[in-house]
């Protein structure tokens, strides 16, 4: 793993015009990859090994909230926020 000399953020390897460069993910600083630099190649995960997101799990189990429940939660949230603001002033 390589870090940017300017801002300290992680640098990734990118290919530009057929050459490899380290590029900062934050500020965009670039420097060429030297011949002696070692890099580890990471494989993509198999479909069987992928983690199922919470949205997919919720959809599969049919535990999604109804629009009415969501609207009621939003209204309760707004009431709490307004009460807190009124208490502060």
N, C-alpha and C. Protein backbone atom coordinates (compact mmCIF):
# COMPACT_ATOMS: atom_id res chain seq x y z
N UNK A 1 0.85 -1.16 0.00
CA UNK A 1 0.00 0.00 0.00
C UNK A 1 0.90 1.23 0.00
N UNK A 2 0.54 2.19 -0.81
CA UNK A 2 1.35 3.40 -0.93
C UNK A 2 0.49 4.59 -0.54
N UNK A 3 1.11 5.57 0.13
CA UNK A 3 0.40 6.75 0.59
C UNK A 3 0.94 8.00 -0.12
N UNK A 4 0.05 8.94 -0.34
CA UNK A 4 0.37 10.18 -1.04
C UNK A 4 1.34 11.03 -0.23
N UNK A 5 2.43 11.53 -0.86
CA UNK A 5 3.37 12.38 -0.14
C UNK A 5 2.81 13.77 0.15
N UNK A 6 1.75 14.18 -0.57
CA UNK A 6 1.16 15.50 -0.35
C UNK A 6 0.13 15.51 0.77
N UNK A 7 -0.84 14.57 0.71
CA UNK A 7 -1.95 14.63 1.69
C UNK A 7 -2.03 13.40 2.59
N UNK A 8 -1.27 12.35 2.30
CA UNK A 8 -1.25 11.17 3.16
C UNK A 8 -2.35 10.16 2.88
N UNK A 9 -3.15 10.38 1.85
CA UNK A 9 -4.24 9.46 1.51
C UNK A 9 -3.69 8.25 0.75
N UNK A 10 -4.51 7.21 0.63
CA UNK A 10 -4.11 6.00 -0.06
C UNK A 10 -4.01 6.26 -1.56
N UNK A 11 -2.98 5.68 -2.18
CA UNK A 11 -2.81 5.80 -3.63
C UNK A 11 -3.17 4.47 -4.27
N UNK A 12 -3.80 4.55 -5.45
CA UNK A 12 -4.16 3.35 -6.19
C UNK A 12 -3.39 3.34 -7.51
N UNK A 13 -3.32 2.17 -8.14
CA UNK A 13 -2.62 2.06 -9.42
C UNK A 13 -3.63 2.27 -10.54
N UNK A 14 -3.28 3.16 -11.47
CA UNK A 14 -4.12 3.42 -12.64
C UNK A 14 -3.26 3.31 -13.89
N UNK A 15 -3.90 3.04 -15.01
CA UNK A 15 -3.19 2.95 -16.28
C UNK A 15 -3.59 4.14 -17.14
N UNK A 16 -2.58 4.89 -17.58
CA UNK A 16 -2.80 6.03 -18.48
C UNK A 16 -1.82 5.92 -19.63
N UNK A 17 -2.36 5.97 -20.84
CA UNK A 17 -1.55 5.92 -22.05
C UNK A 17 -0.60 4.72 -22.05
N UNK A 18 -1.08 3.58 -21.55
CA UNK A 18 -0.30 2.35 -21.56
C UNK A 18 0.72 2.23 -20.44
N UNK A 19 0.82 3.21 -19.57
CA UNK A 19 1.78 3.17 -18.46
C UNK A 19 1.03 3.13 -17.13
N UNK A 20 1.68 2.55 -16.11
CA UNK A 20 1.08 2.46 -14.79
C UNK A 20 1.54 3.61 -13.90
N UNK A 21 0.60 4.17 -13.17
CA UNK A 21 0.88 5.28 -12.25
C UNK A 21 0.19 5.01 -10.92
N UNK A 22 0.80 5.55 -9.85
CA UNK A 22 0.11 5.63 -8.56
C UNK A 22 -0.67 6.94 -8.58
N UNK A 23 -1.95 6.88 -8.20
CA UNK A 23 -2.75 8.10 -8.16
C UNK A 23 -3.43 8.19 -6.79
N UNK A 24 -3.36 9.38 -6.20
CA UNK A 24 -3.97 9.63 -4.90
C UNK A 24 -5.49 9.66 -5.06
N UNK A 25 -6.18 9.01 -4.14
CA UNK A 25 -7.65 8.96 -4.20
C UNK A 25 -8.28 10.27 -3.73
N UNK A 26 -7.49 11.11 -3.04
CA UNK A 26 -8.05 12.37 -2.53
C UNK A 26 -7.65 13.57 -3.38
N UNK A 27 -6.37 13.80 -3.55
CA UNK A 27 -5.93 15.04 -4.24
C UNK A 27 -5.56 14.83 -5.70
N UNK A 28 -5.43 13.57 -6.16
CA UNK A 28 -5.15 13.31 -7.57
C UNK A 28 -3.67 13.30 -7.93
N UNK A 29 -2.78 13.49 -6.95
CA UNK A 29 -1.33 13.45 -7.20
C UNK A 29 -0.97 12.14 -7.88
N UNK A 30 -0.10 12.20 -8.89
CA UNK A 30 0.32 11.00 -9.61
C UNK A 30 1.83 10.90 -9.67
N UNK A 31 2.30 9.65 -9.63
CA UNK A 31 3.71 9.37 -9.86
C UNK A 31 3.82 8.02 -10.54
N UNK A 32 4.82 7.84 -11.41
CA UNK A 32 4.92 6.57 -12.15
C UNK A 32 5.30 5.41 -11.24
N UNK A 33 4.84 4.23 -11.61
CA UNK A 33 5.20 3.00 -10.90
C UNK A 33 6.59 2.60 -11.37
N UNK A 34 7.49 2.35 -10.42
CA UNK A 34 8.86 1.96 -10.75
C UNK A 34 8.92 0.47 -11.04
N UNK A 35 9.91 0.04 -11.79
CA UNK A 35 10.03 -1.37 -12.19
C UNK A 35 10.16 -2.32 -11.00
N UNK A 36 10.80 -1.92 -9.94
CA UNK A 36 11.03 -2.79 -8.79
C UNK A 36 9.86 -2.83 -7.80
N UNK A 37 8.85 -2.00 -7.99
CA UNK A 37 7.73 -1.97 -7.05
C UNK A 37 6.94 -3.27 -7.13
N UNK A 38 6.61 -3.80 -5.96
CA UNK A 38 5.81 -5.03 -5.94
C UNK A 38 4.34 -4.67 -5.72
N UNK A 39 3.49 -5.37 -6.44
CA UNK A 39 2.05 -5.14 -6.31
C UNK A 39 1.36 -6.47 -6.12
N UNK A 40 0.32 -6.46 -5.32
CA UNK A 40 -0.45 -7.66 -5.06
C UNK A 40 -1.74 -7.58 -5.88
N UNK A 41 -2.02 -8.61 -6.63
CA UNK A 41 -3.24 -8.64 -7.44
C UNK A 41 -4.33 -9.32 -6.63
N UNK A 42 -5.47 -8.66 -6.54
CA UNK A 42 -6.60 -9.18 -5.77
C UNK A 42 -7.64 -9.71 -6.75
N UNK A 43 -8.14 -10.92 -6.47
CA UNK A 43 -9.15 -11.52 -7.33
C UNK A 43 -10.53 -11.05 -6.94
N UNK A 44 -11.43 -11.05 -7.89
CA UNK A 44 -12.82 -10.73 -7.59
C UNK A 44 -13.48 -11.94 -6.94
N UNK A 45 -14.46 -11.67 -6.08
CA UNK A 45 -15.14 -12.73 -5.35
C UNK A 45 -16.08 -13.52 -6.25
N UNK A 46 -16.23 -14.80 -5.94
CA UNK A 46 -17.20 -15.63 -6.65
C UNK A 46 -18.61 -15.20 -6.29
N UNK A 47 -19.55 -15.54 -7.13
CA UNK A 47 -20.95 -15.22 -6.84
C UNK A 47 -21.39 -15.89 -5.54
N UNK A 48 -20.87 -17.08 -5.28
CA UNK A 48 -21.25 -17.83 -4.07
C UNK A 48 -20.70 -17.18 -2.81
N UNK A 49 -19.58 -16.47 -2.91
CA UNK A 49 -18.93 -15.89 -1.75
C UNK A 49 -19.37 -14.47 -1.46
N UNK A 50 -20.17 -13.86 -2.35
CA UNK A 50 -20.58 -12.48 -2.15
C UNK A 50 -21.51 -12.36 -0.96
N UNK A 51 -21.43 -11.24 -0.27
CA UNK A 51 -22.27 -10.97 0.89
C UNK A 51 -23.57 -10.34 0.41
N UNK A 52 -24.67 -10.82 0.94
CA UNK A 52 -25.97 -10.28 0.56
C UNK A 52 -26.23 -9.03 1.39
N UNK A 53 -26.64 -7.95 0.73
CA UNK A 53 -26.89 -6.71 1.45
C UNK A 53 -28.19 -6.81 2.23
N UNK A 54 -28.37 -5.89 3.16
CA UNK A 54 -29.57 -5.91 4.00
C UNK A 54 -30.83 -5.66 3.18
N UNK A 55 -30.72 -4.87 2.11
CA UNK A 55 -31.88 -4.61 1.27
C UNK A 55 -32.33 -5.90 0.59
N UNK A 56 -31.38 -6.66 0.07
CA UNK A 56 -31.72 -7.90 -0.60
C UNK A 56 -32.31 -8.90 0.38
N UNK A 57 -31.78 -8.95 1.58
CA UNK A 57 -32.31 -9.86 2.60
C UNK A 57 -33.73 -9.46 2.96
N UNK A 58 -33.96 -8.16 3.14
CA UNK A 58 -35.29 -7.69 3.50
C UNK A 58 -36.30 -7.98 2.39
N UNK A 59 -35.89 -7.82 1.15
CA UNK A 59 -36.80 -8.09 0.04
C UNK A 59 -37.13 -9.57 -0.03
N UNK A 60 -36.13 -10.43 0.20
CA UNK A 60 -36.37 -11.87 0.14
C UNK A 60 -37.27 -12.34 1.26
N UNK A 61 -37.21 -11.72 2.41
CA UNK A 61 -38.02 -12.15 3.55
C UNK A 61 -39.32 -11.40 3.67
N UNK A 62 -39.55 -10.48 2.76
CA UNK A 62 -40.80 -9.71 2.73
C UNK A 62 -41.07 -9.01 4.05
N UNK A 63 -40.04 -8.35 4.59
CA UNK A 63 -40.23 -7.62 5.85
C UNK A 63 -40.10 -6.11 5.62
N UNK A 64 -40.40 -5.70 4.42
CA UNK A 64 -40.35 -4.28 4.11
C UNK A 64 -41.48 -3.56 4.83
N UNK A 65 -41.21 -2.34 5.25
CA UNK A 65 -42.23 -1.55 5.93
C UNK A 65 -43.18 -0.94 4.91
N UNK A 66 -44.40 -0.73 5.31
CA UNK A 66 -45.37 -0.12 4.42
C UNK A 66 -45.12 1.39 4.36
N UNK A 67 -45.70 2.03 3.37
CA UNK A 67 -45.54 3.48 3.21
C UNK A 67 -46.13 4.22 4.41
N UNK A 68 -47.21 3.69 4.95
CA UNK A 68 -47.85 4.33 6.11
C UNK A 68 -46.92 4.29 7.33
N UNK A 69 -46.25 3.16 7.54
CA UNK A 69 -45.33 3.05 8.66
C UNK A 69 -44.16 4.02 8.51
N UNK A 70 -43.64 4.12 7.32
CA UNK A 70 -42.53 5.03 7.07
C UNK A 70 -42.97 6.47 7.29
N UNK A 71 -44.15 6.83 6.78
CA UNK A 71 -44.67 8.19 6.95
C UNK A 71 -44.87 8.51 8.43
N UNK A 72 -45.38 7.55 9.19
CA UNK A 72 -45.60 7.76 10.63
C UNK A 72 -44.26 7.97 11.35
N UNK A 73 -43.23 7.20 10.98
CA UNK A 73 -41.91 7.36 11.58
C UNK A 73 -41.33 8.74 11.27
N UNK A 74 -41.53 9.21 10.05
CA UNK A 74 -41.04 10.53 9.65
C UNK A 74 -41.72 11.61 10.47
N UNK A 75 -43.04 11.50 10.63
CA UNK A 75 -43.78 12.49 11.41
C UNK A 75 -43.33 12.50 12.87
N UNK A 76 -43.11 11.32 13.45
CA UNK A 76 -42.63 11.25 14.83
C UNK A 76 -41.24 11.87 14.96
N UNK A 77 -40.39 11.63 13.97
CA UNK A 77 -39.05 12.20 13.97
C UNK A 77 -39.12 13.73 13.95
N UNK A 78 -39.95 14.29 13.06
CA UNK A 78 -40.10 15.74 12.98
C UNK A 78 -40.63 16.33 14.29
N UNK A 79 -41.56 15.64 14.92
CA UNK A 79 -42.10 16.11 16.19
C UNK A 79 -41.00 16.18 17.25
N UNK A 80 -40.15 15.15 17.29
CA UNK A 80 -39.06 15.12 18.26
C UNK A 80 -38.07 16.25 17.99
N UNK A 81 -37.75 16.48 16.73
CA UNK A 81 -36.80 17.55 16.38
C UNK A 81 -37.38 18.91 16.77
N UNK A 82 -38.65 19.13 16.47
CA UNK A 82 -39.28 20.40 16.82
C UNK A 82 -39.34 20.60 18.33
N UNK A 83 -39.60 19.54 19.09
CA UNK A 83 -39.61 19.64 20.55
C UNK A 83 -38.22 20.01 21.07
N UNK A 84 -37.18 19.40 20.51
CA UNK A 84 -35.81 19.70 20.95
C UNK A 84 -35.45 21.15 20.63
N UNK A 85 -35.84 21.62 19.46
CA UNK A 85 -35.56 23.00 19.09
C UNK A 85 -36.30 23.98 20.01
N UNK A 86 -37.54 23.64 20.33
CA UNK A 86 -38.32 24.51 21.21
C UNK A 86 -37.69 24.54 22.61
N UNK A 87 -37.17 23.45 23.09
CA UNK A 87 -36.53 23.40 24.41
C UNK A 87 -35.23 24.20 24.45
N UNK A 88 -34.52 24.24 23.31
CA UNK A 88 -33.26 24.97 23.28
C UNK A 88 -33.48 26.48 23.25
N UNK A 89 -34.59 26.93 22.67
CA UNK A 89 -34.83 28.38 22.55
C UNK A 89 -35.84 28.74 23.55
